[in-house]
Amino acid sequence: MIGYLCTKRALAHELLNYLDEDAALFQECRRTVFAAGEPLLKRAQDAGVVRPDVEFSDVLQMLAGISRMPVNDPAQVKHVVRIALDGLRYRPQP
């Protein structure tokens, strides 16, 4: 998903020059993303592998912010996503 967000930045910027943020196109995209992502997050929470206080919109905000990082190496973005998803707290491997 992060790769998709990074590559679509210019397209989104251009679309926003012509469409309102609440345009039907963007609303449908949001509905589609939430329809796919919310059940995945819920299953992960039910399995105990994701914090129960996280909402899907939190995940999207985190990934959107990371996708805007000014980096030259896509591997750096992927590394930061892994850090964000794992958390900063050290957890020794069992």
C-alpha atoms as a PDB file:
ATOM      1  CA  MET A   1       0.000   0.000   0.000  1.00  0.00           C
ATOM      2  CA  ILE A   2       2.808   2.408   0.805  1.00  0.00           C
ATOM      3  CA  GLY A   3       4.258   1.987  -2.682  1.00  0.00           C
ATOM      4  CA  TYR A   4       0.871   2.792  -4.144  1.00  0.00           C
ATOM      5  CA  LEU A   5       0.535   5.912  -2.004  1.00  0.00           C
ATOM      6  CA  CYS A   6       4.007   7.101  -2.952  1.00  0.00           C
ATOM      7  CA  THR A   7       3.417   6.692  -6.677  1.00  0.00           C
ATOM      8  CA  LYS A   8      -0.029   8.299  -6.670  1.00  0.00           C
ATOM      9  CA  ARG A   9       0.958  11.541  -4.917  1.00  0.00           C
ATOM     10  CA  ALA A  10       1.274  13.543  -8.141  1.00  0.00           C
ATOM     11  CA  LEU A  11      -2.019  12.183  -9.467  1.00  0.00           C
ATOM     12  CA  ALA A  12      -3.851  13.057  -6.262  1.00  0.00           C
ATOM     13  CA  HIS A  13      -2.342  16.541  -6.280  1.00  0.00           C
ATOM     14  CA  GLU A  14      -3.525  17.139  -9.838  1.00  0.00           C
ATOM     15  CA  LEU A  15      -7.002  15.768  -9.153  1.00  0.00           C
ATOM     16  CA  LEU A  16      -7.337  18.115  -6.186  1.00  0.00           C
ATOM     17  CA  ASN A  17      -6.697  21.021  -8.576  1.00  0.00           C
ATOM     18  CA  TYR A  18      -9.960  20.136 -10.329  1.00  0.00           C
ATOM     19  CA  LEU A  19     -12.064  18.303  -7.755  1.00  0.00           C
ATOM     20  CA  ASP A  20     -13.125  19.097  -4.230  1.00  0.00           C
ATOM     21  CA  GLU A  21     -11.778  16.795  -1.526  1.00  0.00           C
ATOM     22  CA  ASP A  22     -15.367  15.627  -0.957  1.00  0.00           C
ATOM     23  CA  ALA A  23     -16.011  14.827  -4.634  1.00  0.00           C
ATOM     24  CA  ALA A  24     -17.826  11.574  -5.391  1.00  0.00           C
ATOM     25  CA  LEU A  25     -14.623  10.089  -6.846  1.00  0.00           C
ATOM     26  CA  PHE A  26     -12.735  10.553  -3.567  1.00  0.00           C
ATOM     27  CA  GLN A  27     -15.700   9.407  -1.471  1.00  0.00           C
ATOM     28  CA  GLU A  28     -15.933   6.169  -3.451  1.00  0.00           C
ATOM     29  CA  CYS A  29     -12.194   5.597  -3.131  1.00  0.00           C
ATOM     30  CA  ARG A  30     -12.409   6.108   0.647  1.00  0.00           C
ATOM     31  CA  ARG A  31     -15.338   3.698   0.906  1.00  0.00           C
ATOM     32  CA  THR A  32     -13.431   1.076  -1.069  1.00  0.00           C
ATOM     33  CA  VAL A  33     -10.273   1.445   1.016  1.00  0.00           C
ATOM     34  CA  PHE A  34     -12.211   1.314   4.301  1.00  0.00           C
ATOM     35  CA  ALA A  35     -14.295  -1.661   3.130  1.00  0.00           C
ATOM     36  CA  ALA A  36     -11.080  -3.579   2.470  1.00  0.00           C
ATOM     37  CA  GLY A  37      -9.031  -2.347   5.421  1.00  0.00           C
ATOM     38  CA  GLU A  38     -11.420  -2.290   8.362  1.00  0.00           C
ATOM     39  CA  PRO A  39     -12.155  -6.050   8.316  1.00  0.00           C
ATOM     40  CA  LEU A  40      -8.417  -6.802   8.104  1.00  0.00           C
ATOM     41  CA  LEU A  41      -7.697  -4.585  11.090  1.00  0.00           C
ATOM     42  CA  LYS A  42     -10.588  -6.105  13.053  1.00  0.00           C
ATOM     43  CA  ARG A  43      -9.311  -9.639  12.425  1.00  0.00           C
ATOM     44  CA  ALA A  44      -5.818  -8.625  13.527  1.00  0.00           C
ATOM     45  CA  GLN A  45      -7.240  -7.039  16.681  1.00  0.00           C
ATOM     46  CA  ASP A  46      -9.376 -10.107  17.397  1.00  0.00           C
ATOM     47  CA  ALA A  47      -6.243 -12.250  17.017  1.00  0.00           C
ATOM     48  CA  GLY A  48      -4.448 -10.021  19.530  1.00  0.00           C
ATOM     49  CA  VAL A  49      -1.708  -8.888  17.138  1.00  0.00           C
ATOM     50  CA  VAL A  50      -2.837  -5.257  16.848  1.00  0.00           C
ATOM     51  CA  ARG A  51      -3.668  -2.865  19.663  1.00  0.00           C
ATOM     52  CA  PRO A  52      -7.414  -2.683  20.338  1.00  0.00           C
ATOM     53  CA  ASP A  53      -7.413   1.134  20.476  1.00  0.00           C
ATOM     54  CA  VAL A  54      -6.305   1.539  16.834  1.00  0.00           C
ATOM     55  CA  GLU A  55      -8.822   2.528  14.198  1.00  0.00           C
ATOM     56  CA  PHE A  56      -8.331   2.013  10.479  1.00  0.00           C
ATOM     57  CA  SER A  57      -8.249   5.774   9.970  1.00  0.00           C
ATOM     58  CA  ASP A  58      -5.219   5.859  12.316  1.00  0.00           C
ATOM     59  CA  VAL A  59      -3.418   3.363  10.092  1.00  0.00           C
ATOM     60  CA  LEU A  60      -4.237   5.380   6.975  1.00  0.00           C
ATOM     61  CA  GLN A  61      -3.029   8.621   8.556  1.00  0.00           C
ATOM     62  CA  MET A  62       0.221   6.952   9.581  1.00  0.00           C
ATOM     63  CA  LEU A  63       0.842   5.507   6.122  1.00  0.00           C
ATOM     64  CA  ALA A  64      -0.142   8.739   4.376  1.00  0.00           C
ATOM     65  CA  GLY A  65       2.340  10.676   6.487  1.00  0.00           C
ATOM     66  CA  ILE A  66       5.117   8.194   5.806  1.00  0.00           C
ATOM     67  CA  SER A  67       4.374   8.226   2.078  1.00  0.00           C
ATOM     68  CA  ARG A  68       5.078  11.970   2.038  1.00  0.00           C
ATOM     69  CA  MET A  69       8.601  11.577   3.409  1.00  0.00           C
ATOM     70  CA  PRO A  70      11.182  13.207   1.134  1.00  0.00           C
ATOM     71  CA  VAL A  71      13.502  10.249   0.490  1.00  0.00           C
ATOM     72  CA  ASN A  72      15.382   9.058  -2.557  1.00  0.00           C
ATOM     73  CA  ASP A  73      15.479   5.395  -1.640  1.00  0.00           C
ATOM     74  CA  PRO A  74      12.169   3.474  -1.624  1.00  0.00           C
ATOM     75  CA  ALA A  75      13.787   0.941   0.709  1.00  0.00           C
ATOM     76  CA  GLN A  76      14.054   3.678   3.346  1.00  0.00           C
ATOM     77  CA  VAL A  77      10.299   4.261   3.180  1.00  0.00           C
ATOM     78  CA  LYS A  78       9.631   0.528   3.545  1.00  0.00           C
ATOM     79  CA  HIS A  79      11.998   0.419   6.524  1.00  0.00           C
ATOM     80  CA  VAL A  80      10.155   3.290   8.231  1.00  0.00           C
ATOM     81  CA  VAL A  81       6.816   1.563   7.602  1.00  0.00           C
ATOM     82  CA  ARG A  82       8.158  -1.600   9.246  1.00  0.00           C
ATOM     83  CA  ILE A  83       9.308   0.445  12.241  1.00  0.00           C
ATOM     84  CA  ALA A  84       5.923   2.161  12.479  1.00  0.00           C
ATOM     85  CA  LEU A  85       4.009  -1.105  12.246  1.00  0.00           C
ATOM     86  CA  ASP A  86       6.279  -2.888  14.735  1.00  0.00           C
ATOM     87  CA  GLY A  87       6.501   0.042  17.121  1.00  0.00           C
ATOM     88  CA  LEU A  88       9.580   1.566  18.638  1.00  0.00           C
ATOM     89  CA  ARG A  89       9.569  -0.464  21.808  1.00  0.00           C
ATOM     90  CA  TYR A  90      12.187  -3.170  21.913  1.00  0.00           C
ATOM     91  CA  ARG A  91      10.707  -6.639  22.265  1.00  0.00           C
ATOM     92  CA  PRO A  92      13.227  -9.450  22.599  1.00  0.00           C
ATOM     93  CA  GLN A  93      12.599 -12.369  20.293  1.00  0.00           C
ATOM     94  CA  PRO A  94      11.269 -15.441  22.167  1.00  0.00           C
END
